[in-house]
Each structure stands twice: as structure tokens, then as C-alpha cells.
Amino acid sequence: MDIIGGRKFLEVPGDKNHELPPLLVRTSRSIKRMDRVMGLAAEIVEDEEMVPPSPLDEIVPDTDHDRRKMDMALNLVDQYLAFVQHWQWGDAILEWIRQCEITFESRADLRNLIAYNIWPHAGRASFVHLLADKEVKPGDVGLDQVVGLRLTFRQPPPIKCFSNQFLFYLNSPVATTAYQTWAQMTPSPISALPPERFTFQVVNM
């Protein structure tokens, strides 16, 4: 086992590079009924009184108050679409990890590098670290957040299941905490996969 800085790397037998399955990422936001999403966002704005009435409403035309509510609903939709896209990244990564597990198990020279007594996927943070070492970036958020969202939600819930607080403030710390809890389940010794020994493609679907 090689130790570089504060990280331990597994010793991979031989000197050849190993091709891992491609990481298939669906980058398009799969929302079938955008009008329904917008309507539900408007209901959240209304029910949670996100745009409270102002004394100026008696002076400013009613359309101004309606415009502010519409702007807030659009903001909620943007936050929700970003959530869905990040979840899709996390879903793709967990599926990629599963494919990598199958690849490792089928190869005699890789079979003993990772344990198979943990399911589902717990302790596979080494594959996420490999993605980071290969500079795979899921947009404007970290790998820990997208994987954490997928660990938290089996399917993306509809927007009506979320509070505005979650969409605006809480999704990031919730996802990060979920990932950290998952990653800490890795059995000791915690070892990383040497990035120079593995190759794979990232395919945008």
C-alpha cells in the first residue's frame, strides 16, 4: 500500500492500466410537465407567504405584488431543476460504482482490492475519490453533494414535497451530511484507487 501525503493508495498488481465502465450521465433535466411544476411553485409561494403584503401595495398597482410572487415562483423552479440535475448526477455515479463492482469481481487481478461484504454501495467512497482525482465535475457543486442527494432520495420527489427552506438553504448541508455518513462506513484501512492505473469515459446522455 502506497502512502502519498495523507492518503493511502491500493497497490494494483501489474503495471497495465485498467479500463472501467463509462460513467453515463443524463445532463438534460427530465421534467415532463413544466407548467405543473410552475403551478406547484406558485402554490408554495402563496401557502408559505413568501411575498408578504407591503403597505406600498395600496399605492403600487396589484400587478407589482403579483410580479414579485411570480419571480419568487420562478426562483423556486430554478432551484428545483438544479436539484433534479444534481440528483441525476448522483444516480449516474452510484450506477457507475455498481458497474465498477461487477468489473472488479469479474477480474482476477482486481477481485481482492475491494471488500464485497457491504451492500448497497456503502463504503465505496474510493470510487468517488477516483472521480475527483480524474477531475470529474458535476457542474457547480461537489461530488459529495450529488452523491449525497442520490443516497437521500431514491427518486427525485416532486417540488410540492419540498419547503422553500430546503430548496434555498438546506439541500446542500443535507446532501453533504448524507455523503459523509456513507463514506465513513468504509472499512479500515481506507484506501484510494491510484488514478493513473484506471481509465474511463464520461458520456453525456
N, C-alpha and C. Protein backbone atom coordinates (compact mmCIF):
# COMPACT_ATOMS: atom_id res chain seq x y z
N MET A 1 0.84 -1.19 0.00
CA MET A 1 0.00 0.00 0.00
C MET A 1 0.88 1.24 0.00
N ASP A 2 0.70 2.10 -0.97
CA ASP A 2 1.47 3.34 -1.06
C ASP A 2 0.81 4.44 -0.24
N ILE A 3 1.63 5.23 0.44
CA ILE A 3 1.14 6.37 1.20
C ILE A 3 1.74 7.64 0.60
N ILE A 4 0.88 8.49 0.07
CA ILE A 4 1.31 9.75 -0.54
C ILE A 4 0.60 10.87 0.18
N GLY A 5 1.38 11.70 0.87
CA GLY A 5 0.78 12.74 1.69
C GLY A 5 -0.01 12.10 2.82
N GLY A 6 -1.27 12.45 2.95
CA GLY A 6 -2.10 11.85 3.98
C GLY A 6 -3.01 10.76 3.46
N ARG A 7 -2.81 10.31 2.23
CA ARG A 7 -3.69 9.32 1.61
C ARG A 7 -2.97 8.01 1.37
N LYS A 8 -3.70 6.92 1.53
CA LYS A 8 -3.20 5.59 1.26
C LYS A 8 -3.79 5.10 -0.04
N PHE A 9 -2.93 4.57 -0.91
CA PHE A 9 -3.38 4.08 -2.20
C PHE A 9 -3.16 2.57 -2.28
N LEU A 10 -4.15 1.89 -2.84
CA LEU A 10 -4.04 0.45 -3.03
C LEU A 10 -2.93 0.12 -4.02
N GLU A 11 -2.27 -0.99 -3.79
CA GLU A 11 -1.28 -1.48 -4.74
C GLU A 11 -1.98 -2.39 -5.74
N VAL A 12 -2.07 -1.93 -6.96
CA VAL A 12 -2.73 -2.69 -8.02
C VAL A 12 -1.70 -3.59 -8.69
N PRO A 13 -1.94 -4.91 -8.73
CA PRO A 13 -0.96 -5.82 -9.34
C PRO A 13 -0.66 -5.46 -10.79
N GLY A 14 0.59 -5.72 -11.20
CA GLY A 14 0.98 -5.48 -12.57
C GLY A 14 1.27 -4.01 -12.84
N ASP A 15 1.39 -3.68 -14.11
CA ASP A 15 1.70 -2.31 -14.47
C ASP A 15 0.79 -1.76 -15.57
N LYS A 16 -0.23 -2.52 -15.96
CA LYS A 16 -1.11 -2.07 -17.03
C LYS A 16 -2.24 -1.22 -16.47
N ASN A 17 -2.81 -0.40 -17.34
CA ASN A 17 -3.98 0.39 -16.97
C ASN A 17 -5.25 -0.45 -17.13
N HIS A 18 -6.24 -0.16 -16.30
CA HIS A 18 -7.48 -0.92 -16.33
C HIS A 18 -8.62 0.00 -16.78
N GLU A 19 -9.37 -0.47 -17.77
CA GLU A 19 -10.49 0.28 -18.31
C GLU A 19 -11.74 -0.03 -17.49
N LEU A 20 -12.33 1.00 -16.90
CA LEU A 20 -13.56 0.85 -16.14
C LEU A 20 -14.76 1.19 -17.02
N PRO A 21 -15.96 0.79 -16.62
CA PRO A 21 -17.15 1.12 -17.43
C PRO A 21 -17.31 2.63 -17.56
N PRO A 22 -17.94 3.09 -18.62
CA PRO A 22 -18.16 4.54 -18.78
C PRO A 22 -19.16 5.06 -17.76
N LEU A 23 -18.96 6.30 -17.36
CA LEU A 23 -19.91 6.99 -16.49
C LEU A 23 -20.94 7.67 -17.38
N LEU A 24 -22.16 7.15 -17.39
CA LEU A 24 -23.22 7.65 -18.25
C LEU A 24 -24.07 8.65 -17.48
N VAL A 25 -23.99 9.92 -17.86
CA VAL A 25 -24.67 10.99 -17.14
C VAL A 25 -25.76 11.58 -18.01
N ARG A 26 -26.95 11.64 -17.47
CA ARG A 26 -28.07 12.28 -18.18
C ARG A 26 -28.09 13.75 -17.76
N THR A 27 -27.63 14.61 -18.64
CA THR A 27 -27.47 16.02 -18.30
C THR A 27 -28.74 16.84 -18.51
N SER A 28 -29.66 16.33 -19.34
CA SER A 28 -30.90 17.07 -19.55
C SER A 28 -31.81 16.92 -18.34
N ARG A 29 -32.57 17.96 -18.03
CA ARG A 29 -33.47 17.93 -16.89
C ARG A 29 -34.79 17.29 -17.32
N SER A 30 -35.04 16.09 -16.82
CA SER A 30 -36.20 15.32 -17.28
C SER A 30 -37.46 15.72 -16.51
N ILE A 31 -38.01 16.86 -16.86
CA ILE A 31 -39.26 17.34 -16.26
C ILE A 31 -40.32 17.30 -17.35
N LYS A 32 -41.34 16.44 -17.18
CA LYS A 32 -42.33 16.27 -18.24
C LYS A 32 -43.34 17.42 -18.29
N ARG A 33 -43.79 17.88 -17.14
CA ARG A 33 -44.84 18.90 -17.09
C ARG A 33 -44.31 20.16 -16.40
N MET A 34 -43.62 21.01 -17.17
CA MET A 34 -43.06 22.22 -16.59
C MET A 34 -44.16 23.16 -16.10
N ASP A 35 -45.31 23.15 -16.78
CA ASP A 35 -46.40 24.02 -16.35
C ASP A 35 -46.91 23.60 -14.98
N ARG A 36 -46.94 22.28 -14.73
CA ARG A 36 -47.38 21.80 -13.42
C ARG A 36 -46.37 22.17 -12.33
N VAL A 37 -45.09 22.05 -12.66
CA VAL A 37 -44.05 22.43 -11.69
C VAL A 37 -44.18 23.90 -11.34
N MET A 38 -44.42 24.72 -12.35
CA MET A 38 -44.57 26.16 -12.11
C MET A 38 -45.79 26.43 -11.24
N GLY A 39 -46.88 25.71 -11.51
CA GLY A 39 -48.08 25.90 -10.71
C GLY A 39 -47.87 25.50 -9.26
N LEU A 40 -47.16 24.40 -9.02
CA LEU A 40 -46.89 23.97 -7.65
C LEU A 40 -45.96 24.94 -6.94
N ALA A 41 -45.00 25.51 -7.68
CA ALA A 41 -44.12 26.51 -7.08
C ALA A 41 -44.91 27.75 -6.67
N ALA A 42 -45.87 28.13 -7.51
CA ALA A 42 -46.71 29.29 -7.16
C ALA A 42 -47.53 29.00 -5.91
N GLU A 43 -47.98 27.75 -5.74
CA GLU A 43 -48.72 27.38 -4.54
C GLU A 43 -47.83 27.47 -3.30
N ILE A 44 -46.57 27.06 -3.42
CA ILE A 44 -45.64 27.16 -2.28
C ILE A 44 -45.47 28.62 -1.88
N VAL A 45 -45.28 29.48 -2.88
CA VAL A 45 -45.12 30.91 -2.60
C VAL A 45 -46.35 31.46 -1.89
N GLU A 46 -47.51 31.03 -2.32
CA GLU A 46 -48.76 31.53 -1.75
C GLU A 46 -48.97 30.95 -0.35
N ASP A 47 -48.83 29.64 -0.19
CA ASP A 47 -49.13 28.98 1.09
C ASP A 47 -48.15 29.39 2.19
N GLU A 48 -46.89 29.58 1.84
CA GLU A 48 -45.89 29.92 2.84
C GLU A 48 -45.68 31.43 2.97
N GLU A 49 -46.53 32.18 2.26
CA GLU A 49 -46.49 33.65 2.34
C GLU A 49 -45.07 34.18 2.17
N MET A 50 -44.42 33.70 1.11
CA MET A 50 -43.04 34.09 0.85
C MET A 50 -42.94 35.54 0.39
N VAL A 51 -44.02 36.09 -0.14
CA VAL A 51 -44.05 37.50 -0.53
C VAL A 51 -45.16 38.16 0.28
N PRO A 52 -44.85 38.60 1.50
CA PRO A 52 -45.89 39.19 2.35
C PRO A 52 -46.39 40.51 1.79
N PRO A 53 -47.62 40.86 2.11
CA PRO A 53 -48.14 42.15 1.63
C PRO A 53 -47.35 43.32 2.22
N SER A 54 -47.23 44.36 1.45
CA SER A 54 -46.49 45.55 1.86
C SER A 54 -47.45 46.74 1.95
N PRO A 55 -47.18 47.67 2.87
CA PRO A 55 -48.01 48.88 2.93
C PRO A 55 -48.07 49.63 1.61
N LEU A 56 -47.03 49.45 0.79
CA LEU A 56 -47.00 50.13 -0.51
C LEU A 56 -47.96 49.51 -1.50
N ASP A 57 -48.49 48.30 -1.16
CA ASP A 57 -49.41 47.66 -2.10
C ASP A 57 -50.65 48.50 -2.35
N GLU A 58 -50.98 49.37 -1.39
CA GLU A 58 -52.13 50.23 -1.58
C GLU A 58 -51.85 51.34 -2.57
N ILE A 59 -50.57 51.61 -2.78
CA ILE A 59 -50.18 52.68 -3.71
C ILE A 59 -49.74 52.10 -5.05
N VAL A 60 -48.88 51.04 -4.95
CA VAL A 60 -48.37 50.41 -6.15
C VAL A 60 -49.46 49.50 -6.72
N PRO A 61 -49.62 49.44 -8.03
CA PRO A 61 -50.65 48.58 -8.63
C PRO A 61 -50.49 47.12 -8.20
N ASP A 62 -51.62 46.39 -8.16
CA ASP A 62 -51.61 44.99 -7.75
C ASP A 62 -50.67 44.14 -8.60
N THR A 63 -50.48 44.53 -9.84
CA THR A 63 -49.62 43.74 -10.72
C THR A 63 -48.20 43.66 -10.19
N ASP A 64 -47.76 44.66 -9.40
CA ASP A 64 -46.40 44.62 -8.85
C ASP A 64 -46.28 43.50 -7.83
N HIS A 65 -47.27 43.35 -6.97
CA HIS A 65 -47.26 42.26 -5.98
C HIS A 65 -47.32 40.90 -6.67
N ASP A 66 -48.12 40.79 -7.70
CA ASP A 66 -48.21 39.54 -8.46
C ASP A 66 -46.90 39.23 -9.16
N ARG A 67 -46.25 40.28 -9.65
CA ARG A 67 -44.96 40.07 -10.33
C ARG A 67 -43.92 39.54 -9.37
N ARG A 68 -43.91 40.07 -8.14
CA ARG A 68 -42.94 39.60 -7.14
C ARG A 68 -43.19 38.13 -6.80
N LYS A 69 -44.45 37.74 -6.71
CA LYS A 69 -44.76 36.34 -6.43
C LYS A 69 -44.35 35.45 -7.60
N MET A 70 -44.55 35.94 -8.81
CA MET A 70 -44.15 35.16 -9.98
C MET A 70 -42.63 35.00 -10.03
N ASP A 71 -41.90 36.07 -9.72
CA ASP A 71 -40.44 36.00 -9.70
C ASP A 71 -39.96 34.98 -8.65
N MET A 72 -40.60 34.97 -7.49
CA MET A 72 -40.21 34.03 -6.45
C MET A 72 -40.51 32.59 -6.87
N ALA A 73 -41.66 32.38 -7.54
CA ALA A 73 -42.00 31.04 -8.02
C ALA A 73 -40.99 30.58 -9.07
N LEU A 74 -40.59 31.48 -9.97
CA LEU A 74 -39.58 31.13 -10.97
C LEU A 74 -38.26 30.77 -10.30
N ASN A 75 -37.92 31.48 -9.23
CA ASN A 75 -36.69 31.18 -8.49
C ASN A 75 -36.76 29.79 -7.87
N LEU A 76 -37.92 29.44 -7.31
CA LEU A 76 -38.10 28.10 -6.75
C LEU A 76 -37.96 27.02 -7.82
N VAL A 77 -38.52 27.27 -9.00
CA VAL A 77 -38.42 26.31 -10.09
C VAL A 77 -36.97 26.12 -10.49
N ASP A 78 -36.23 27.21 -10.58
CA ASP A 78 -34.80 27.11 -10.92
C ASP A 78 -34.05 26.26 -9.90
N GLN A 79 -34.34 26.48 -8.62
CA GLN A 79 -33.70 25.70 -7.56
C GLN A 79 -34.07 24.23 -7.68
N TYR A 80 -35.32 23.96 -7.99
CA TYR A 80 -35.78 22.57 -8.10
C TYR A 80 -35.13 21.88 -9.31
N LEU A 81 -35.06 22.59 -10.44
CA LEU A 81 -34.43 22.00 -11.63
C LEU A 81 -32.96 21.69 -11.38
N ALA A 82 -32.29 22.56 -10.64
CA ALA A 82 -30.90 22.29 -10.28
C ALA A 82 -30.81 21.06 -9.39
N PHE A 83 -31.75 20.94 -8.44
CA PHE A 83 -31.79 19.75 -7.57
C PHE A 83 -31.93 18.48 -8.41
N VAL A 84 -32.85 18.48 -9.37
CA VAL A 84 -33.07 17.30 -10.21
C VAL A 84 -31.81 16.96 -10.99
N GLN A 85 -31.18 17.97 -11.55
CA GLN A 85 -29.97 17.72 -12.32
C GLN A 85 -28.85 17.16 -11.44
N HIS A 86 -28.70 17.68 -10.24
CA HIS A 86 -27.68 17.16 -9.33
C HIS A 86 -28.01 15.73 -8.91
N TRP A 87 -29.29 15.45 -8.67
CA TRP A 87 -29.69 14.08 -8.32
C TRP A 87 -29.35 13.12 -9.46
N GLN A 88 -29.60 13.55 -10.71
CA GLN A 88 -29.28 12.70 -11.85
C GLN A 88 -27.79 12.37 -11.90
N TRP A 89 -26.95 13.34 -11.56
CA TRP A 89 -25.52 13.08 -11.50
C TRP A 89 -25.22 12.02 -10.44
N GLY A 90 -25.83 12.18 -9.26
CA GLY A 90 -25.59 11.22 -8.19
C GLY A 90 -26.09 9.83 -8.55
N ASP A 91 -27.23 9.76 -9.22
CA ASP A 91 -27.77 8.47 -9.65
C ASP A 91 -26.83 7.80 -10.65
N ALA A 92 -26.29 8.58 -11.57
CA ALA A 92 -25.35 8.04 -12.56
C ALA A 92 -24.08 7.53 -11.87
N ILE A 93 -23.61 8.23 -10.85
CA ILE A 93 -22.39 7.82 -10.16
C ILE A 93 -22.60 6.53 -9.39
N LEU A 94 -23.74 6.39 -8.69
CA LEU A 94 -23.99 5.15 -7.97
C LEU A 94 -24.15 3.97 -8.93
N GLU A 95 -24.77 4.20 -10.07
CA GLU A 95 -24.88 3.13 -11.07
C GLU A 95 -23.49 2.79 -11.62
N TRP A 96 -22.65 3.80 -11.81
CA TRP A 96 -21.28 3.56 -12.28
C TRP A 96 -20.50 2.75 -11.25
N ILE A 97 -20.67 3.07 -9.97
CA ILE A 97 -20.00 2.31 -8.92
C ILE A 97 -20.44 0.85 -8.97
N ARG A 98 -21.74 0.62 -9.17
CA ARG A 98 -22.24 -0.76 -9.26
C ARG A 98 -21.60 -1.48 -10.44
N GLN A 99 -21.47 -0.80 -11.58
CA GLN A 99 -20.83 -1.42 -12.73
C GLN A 99 -19.35 -1.69 -12.46
N CYS A 100 -18.71 -0.79 -11.73
CA CYS A 100 -17.30 -1.00 -11.38
C CYS A 100 -17.15 -2.20 -10.45
N GLU A 101 -18.08 -2.37 -9.52
CA GLU A 101 -18.05 -3.53 -8.63
C GLU A 101 -18.12 -4.82 -9.43
N ILE A 102 -19.00 -4.84 -10.43
CA ILE A 102 -19.12 -6.03 -11.28
C ILE A 102 -17.82 -6.27 -12.03
N THR A 103 -17.22 -5.18 -12.53
CA THR A 103 -15.96 -5.31 -13.25
C THR A 103 -14.86 -5.86 -12.36
N PHE A 104 -14.74 -5.32 -11.14
CA PHE A 104 -13.71 -5.79 -10.22
C PHE A 104 -13.92 -7.26 -9.88
N GLU A 105 -15.18 -7.65 -9.65
CA GLU A 105 -15.46 -9.03 -9.26
C GLU A 105 -15.16 -10.01 -10.38
N SER A 106 -15.27 -9.56 -11.61
CA SER A 106 -15.06 -10.46 -12.75
C SER A 106 -13.60 -10.57 -13.16
N ARG A 107 -12.74 -9.75 -12.56
CA ARG A 107 -11.32 -9.73 -12.93
C ARG A 107 -10.47 -10.30 -11.81
N ALA A 108 -9.70 -11.34 -12.10
CA ALA A 108 -8.89 -11.98 -11.07
C ALA A 108 -7.86 -11.03 -10.48
N ASP A 109 -7.33 -10.11 -11.29
CA ASP A 109 -6.30 -9.20 -10.80
C ASP A 109 -6.86 -8.03 -10.01
N LEU A 110 -8.19 -7.85 -10.02
CA LEU A 110 -8.81 -6.76 -9.28
C LEU A 110 -9.73 -7.25 -8.17
N ARG A 111 -10.06 -8.53 -8.18
CA ARG A 111 -11.11 -9.06 -7.33
C ARG A 111 -10.86 -8.82 -5.85
N ASN A 112 -9.62 -8.86 -5.41
CA ASN A 112 -9.32 -8.76 -3.98
C ASN A 112 -9.04 -7.34 -3.51
N LEU A 113 -9.23 -6.35 -4.38
CA LEU A 113 -8.90 -4.98 -3.99
C LEU A 113 -9.99 -4.33 -3.15
N ILE A 114 -11.22 -4.76 -3.31
CA ILE A 114 -12.30 -4.17 -2.53
C ILE A 114 -13.12 -5.29 -1.89
N ALA A 115 -13.69 -5.01 -0.71
CA ALA A 115 -14.49 -5.98 0.01
C ALA A 115 -15.89 -6.04 -0.59
N TYR A 116 -16.52 -7.21 -0.47
CA TYR A 116 -17.85 -7.39 -1.03
C TYR A 116 -18.89 -7.71 0.04
N ASN A 117 -18.56 -7.42 1.28
CA ASN A 117 -19.48 -7.75 2.37
C ASN A 117 -20.32 -6.55 2.79
N ILE A 118 -20.35 -5.50 1.98
CA ILE A 118 -21.11 -4.29 2.32
C ILE A 118 -22.07 -4.01 1.17
N TRP A 119 -23.32 -3.80 1.50
CA TRP A 119 -24.33 -3.57 0.45
C TRP A 119 -25.47 -2.73 1.03
N PRO A 120 -26.05 -1.79 0.33
CA PRO A 120 -25.71 -1.44 -1.06
C PRO A 120 -24.73 -0.27 -1.13
N HIS A 121 -23.63 -0.52 -1.68
CA HIS A 121 -22.66 0.52 -2.05
C HIS A 121 -21.96 1.21 -0.87
N ALA A 122 -22.32 0.86 0.35
CA ALA A 122 -21.69 1.57 1.47
C ALA A 122 -20.18 1.34 1.44
N GLY A 123 -19.45 2.38 1.75
CA GLY A 123 -18.00 2.26 1.79
C GLY A 123 -17.33 2.33 0.44
N ARG A 124 -18.04 2.73 -0.59
CA ARG A 124 -17.43 2.82 -1.90
C ARG A 124 -16.95 4.23 -2.21
N ALA A 125 -16.59 4.96 -1.19
CA ALA A 125 -16.13 6.34 -1.39
C ALA A 125 -14.84 6.37 -2.21
N SER A 126 -14.11 5.27 -2.24
CA SER A 126 -12.87 5.26 -3.03
C SER A 126 -13.15 5.52 -4.50
N PHE A 127 -14.31 5.08 -5.00
CA PHE A 127 -14.66 5.35 -6.39
C PHE A 127 -15.00 6.83 -6.59
N VAL A 128 -15.63 7.44 -5.59
CA VAL A 128 -15.91 8.87 -5.68
C VAL A 128 -14.59 9.65 -5.64
N HIS A 129 -13.66 9.22 -4.80
CA HIS A 129 -12.34 9.86 -4.78
C HIS A 129 -11.64 9.72 -6.12
N LEU A 130 -11.82 8.57 -6.77
CA LEU A 130 -11.22 8.38 -8.09
C LEU A 130 -11.79 9.38 -9.09
N LEU A 131 -13.10 9.60 -9.04
CA LEU A 131 -13.71 10.60 -9.91
C LEU A 131 -13.12 11.98 -9.65
N ALA A 132 -12.92 12.31 -8.37
CA ALA A 132 -12.33 13.61 -8.03
C ALA A 132 -10.90 13.71 -8.55
N ASP A 133 -10.13 12.63 -8.39
CA ASP A 133 -8.74 12.63 -8.87
C ASP A 133 -8.68 12.78 -10.39
N LYS A 134 -9.73 12.29 -11.06
CA LYS A 134 -9.80 12.41 -12.52
C LYS A 134 -10.44 13.73 -12.95
N GLU A 135 -10.73 14.60 -11.98
CA GLU A 135 -11.29 15.93 -12.21
C GLU A 135 -12.65 15.87 -12.91
N VAL A 136 -13.47 14.91 -12.51
CA VAL A 136 -14.85 14.86 -12.97
C VAL A 136 -15.66 15.85 -12.13
N LYS A 137 -16.32 16.79 -12.79
CA LYS A 137 -17.04 17.84 -12.07
C LYS A 137 -18.50 17.89 -12.50
N PRO A 138 -19.43 17.67 -11.55
CA PRO A 138 -20.86 17.72 -11.88
C PRO A 138 -21.41 19.14 -11.84
N GLY A 139 -20.95 19.97 -12.72
CA GLY A 139 -21.45 21.35 -12.75
C GLY A 139 -20.86 22.20 -11.65
N ASP A 140 -21.74 22.92 -10.94
CA ASP A 140 -21.28 23.91 -9.97
C ASP A 140 -21.30 23.40 -8.54
N VAL A 141 -21.46 22.10 -8.33
CA VAL A 141 -21.47 21.55 -6.98
C VAL A 141 -20.45 20.42 -6.89
N GLY A 142 -20.21 19.96 -5.67
CA GLY A 142 -19.22 18.92 -5.47
C GLY A 142 -19.78 17.52 -5.66
N LEU A 143 -18.88 16.57 -5.86
CA LEU A 143 -19.28 15.18 -6.00
C LEU A 143 -19.98 14.68 -4.74
N ASP A 144 -19.54 15.16 -3.58
CA ASP A 144 -20.16 14.71 -2.33
C ASP A 144 -21.63 15.11 -2.28
N GLN A 145 -21.96 16.27 -2.81
CA GLN A 145 -23.35 16.73 -2.76
C GLN A 145 -24.25 15.93 -3.70
N VAL A 146 -23.79 15.67 -4.91
CA VAL A 146 -24.65 14.93 -5.85
C VAL A 146 -24.84 13.50 -5.40
N VAL A 147 -23.79 12.87 -4.89
CA VAL A 147 -23.93 11.50 -4.38
C VAL A 147 -24.80 11.50 -3.13
N GLY A 148 -24.63 12.51 -2.27
CA GLY A 148 -25.44 12.60 -1.07
C GLY A 148 -26.92 12.76 -1.38
N LEU A 149 -27.26 13.52 -2.42
CA LEU A 149 -28.66 13.66 -2.80
C LEU A 149 -29.24 12.33 -3.26
N ARG A 150 -28.46 11.57 -4.04
CA ARG A 150 -28.95 10.27 -4.51
C ARG A 150 -29.06 9.28 -3.35
N LEU A 151 -28.17 9.36 -2.38
CA LEU A 151 -28.27 8.49 -1.21
C LEU A 151 -29.50 8.83 -0.38
N THR A 152 -29.90 10.09 -0.40
CA THR A 152 -31.05 10.53 0.40
C THR A 152 -32.37 10.24 -0.29
N PHE A 153 -32.42 10.42 -1.61
CA PHE A 153 -33.66 10.26 -2.36
C PHE A 153 -33.50 9.17 -3.41
N ARG A 154 -34.34 8.14 -3.30
CA ARG A 154 -34.30 7.07 -4.30
C ARG A 154 -34.78 7.57 -5.65
N GLN A 155 -35.76 8.45 -5.65
CA GLN A 155 -36.25 9.12 -6.85
C GLN A 155 -36.38 10.61 -6.51
N PRO A 156 -36.26 11.50 -7.50
CA PRO A 156 -36.45 12.93 -7.21
C PRO A 156 -37.89 13.20 -6.81
N PRO A 157 -38.15 13.66 -5.60
CA PRO A 157 -39.53 13.96 -5.20
C PRO A 157 -40.07 15.14 -6.01
N PRO A 158 -41.39 15.22 -6.17
CA PRO A 158 -41.96 16.40 -6.83
C PRO A 158 -41.73 17.64 -5.99
N ILE A 159 -41.79 18.79 -6.62
CA ILE A 159 -41.46 20.04 -5.94
C ILE A 159 -42.37 20.30 -4.75
N LYS A 160 -43.61 19.78 -4.77
CA LYS A 160 -44.54 20.03 -3.68
C LYS A 160 -44.10 19.38 -2.37
N CYS A 161 -43.15 18.42 -2.44
CA CYS A 161 -42.66 17.77 -1.23
C CYS A 161 -41.63 18.60 -0.49
N PHE A 162 -41.13 19.67 -1.11
CA PHE A 162 -40.05 20.46 -0.53
C PHE A 162 -40.58 21.76 0.06
N SER A 163 -39.94 22.17 1.12
CA SER A 163 -40.16 23.52 1.61
C SER A 163 -39.23 24.46 0.86
N ASN A 164 -39.57 25.74 0.87
CA ASN A 164 -38.67 26.70 0.23
C ASN A 164 -37.34 26.74 0.95
N GLN A 165 -37.34 26.46 2.26
CA GLN A 165 -36.10 26.47 3.02
C GLN A 165 -35.15 25.37 2.52
N PHE A 166 -35.71 24.20 2.20
CA PHE A 166 -34.86 23.12 1.69
C PHE A 166 -34.27 23.51 0.35
N LEU A 167 -35.10 24.02 -0.55
CA LEU A 167 -34.62 24.34 -1.89
C LEU A 167 -33.57 25.46 -1.87
N PHE A 168 -33.75 26.43 -0.98
CA PHE A 168 -32.84 27.57 -0.96
C PHE A 168 -31.59 27.33 -0.10
N TYR A 169 -31.76 26.65 1.05
CA TYR A 169 -30.67 26.62 2.03
C TYR A 169 -30.24 25.23 2.49
N LEU A 170 -31.17 24.29 2.59
CA LEU A 170 -30.90 23.06 3.32
C LEU A 170 -30.40 21.91 2.47
N ASN A 171 -30.63 21.95 1.16
CA ASN A 171 -30.28 20.79 0.34
C ASN A 171 -28.79 20.49 0.36
N SER A 172 -27.97 21.53 0.36
CA SER A 172 -26.51 21.31 0.34
C SER A 172 -26.01 20.65 1.63
N PRO A 173 -26.32 21.20 2.84
CA PRO A 173 -25.83 20.53 4.06
C PRO A 173 -26.44 19.15 4.27
N VAL A 174 -27.71 18.94 3.87
CA VAL A 174 -28.32 17.61 4.00
C VAL A 174 -27.58 16.60 3.13
N ALA A 175 -27.30 16.98 1.89
CA ALA A 175 -26.60 16.08 0.97
C ALA A 175 -25.19 15.79 1.45
N THR A 176 -24.49 16.80 1.91
CA THR A 176 -23.12 16.62 2.38
C THR A 176 -23.07 15.69 3.59
N THR A 177 -24.00 15.87 4.53
CA THR A 177 -24.05 15.02 5.71
C THR A 177 -24.33 13.57 5.32
N ALA A 178 -25.25 13.37 4.37
CA ALA A 178 -25.57 12.02 3.92
C ALA A 178 -24.33 11.36 3.31
N TYR A 179 -23.60 12.10 2.50
CA TYR A 179 -22.40 11.53 1.87
C TYR A 179 -21.35 11.20 2.92
N GLN A 180 -21.12 12.10 3.86
CA GLN A 180 -20.09 11.86 4.88
C GLN A 180 -20.43 10.64 5.71
N THR A 181 -21.70 10.48 6.07
CA THR A 181 -22.12 9.31 6.84
C THR A 181 -21.86 8.02 6.05
N TRP A 182 -22.21 8.06 4.76
CA TRP A 182 -21.98 6.92 3.88
C TRP A 182 -20.50 6.61 3.73
N ALA A 183 -19.70 7.64 3.52
CA ALA A 183 -18.27 7.45 3.30
C ALA A 183 -17.58 6.88 4.53
N GLN A 184 -18.06 7.25 5.72
CA GLN A 184 -17.43 6.78 6.96
C GLN A 184 -17.69 5.31 7.22
N MET A 185 -18.58 4.69 6.43
CA MET A 185 -18.84 3.27 6.58
C MET A 185 -17.79 2.42 5.89
N THR A 186 -16.84 3.07 5.23
CA THR A 186 -15.75 2.34 4.58
C THR A 186 -14.94 1.59 5.62
N PRO A 187 -14.76 0.28 5.48
CA PRO A 187 -13.97 -0.47 6.46
C PRO A 187 -12.50 -0.08 6.40
N SER A 188 -11.84 -0.09 7.53
CA SER A 188 -10.42 0.23 7.59
C SER A 188 -9.61 -0.93 7.00
N PRO A 189 -8.44 -0.66 6.41
CA PRO A 189 -7.90 0.68 6.16
C PRO A 189 -8.56 1.34 4.95
N ILE A 190 -8.81 2.65 5.06
CA ILE A 190 -9.42 3.39 3.97
C ILE A 190 -8.34 3.67 2.92
N SER A 191 -8.55 3.14 1.72
CA SER A 191 -7.54 3.25 0.68
C SER A 191 -8.14 3.77 -0.61
N ALA A 192 -7.35 4.54 -1.32
CA ALA A 192 -7.80 5.13 -2.58
C ALA A 192 -7.29 4.31 -3.75
N LEU A 193 -7.99 4.42 -4.86
CA LEU A 193 -7.57 3.77 -6.09
C LEU A 193 -6.60 4.69 -6.82
N PRO A 194 -5.44 4.20 -7.20
CA PRO A 194 -4.47 5.06 -7.90
C PRO A 194 -5.03 5.52 -9.24
N PRO A 195 -5.21 6.81 -9.43
CA PRO A 195 -5.88 7.29 -10.66
C PRO A 195 -5.10 7.00 -11.93
N GLU A 196 -3.79 6.88 -11.83
CA GLU A 196 -3.01 6.64 -13.03
C GLU A 196 -3.17 5.21 -13.56
N ARG A 197 -3.80 4.34 -12.77
CA ARG A 197 -3.95 2.94 -13.18
C ARG A 197 -5.34 2.63 -13.74
N PHE A 198 -6.24 3.62 -13.71
CA PHE A 198 -7.61 3.37 -14.16
C PHE A 198 -8.04 4.45 -15.15
N THR A 199 -8.75 4.01 -16.17
CA THR A 199 -9.28 4.94 -17.16
C THR A 199 -10.77 4.64 -17.37
N PHE A 200 -11.50 5.68 -17.75
CA PHE A 200 -12.92 5.53 -18.08
C PHE A 200 -13.36 6.78 -18.81
N GLN A 201 -14.50 6.69 -19.45
CA GLN A 201 -15.06 7.82 -20.18
C GLN A 201 -16.28 8.36 -19.43
N VAL A 202 -16.49 9.66 -19.54
CA VAL A 202 -17.72 10.28 -19.05
C VAL A 202 -18.55 10.63 -20.27
N VAL A 203 -19.73 10.02 -20.37
CA VAL A 203 -20.58 10.17 -21.55
C VAL A 203 -21.83 10.94 -21.16
N ASN A 204 -22.06 12.06 -21.81
CA ASN A 204 -23.28 12.85 -21.59
C ASN A 204 -24.40 12.27 -22.42
N MET A 205 -25.47 11.88 -21.75
CA MET A 205 -26.60 11.25 -22.42
C MET A 205 -27.57 12.32 -22.92
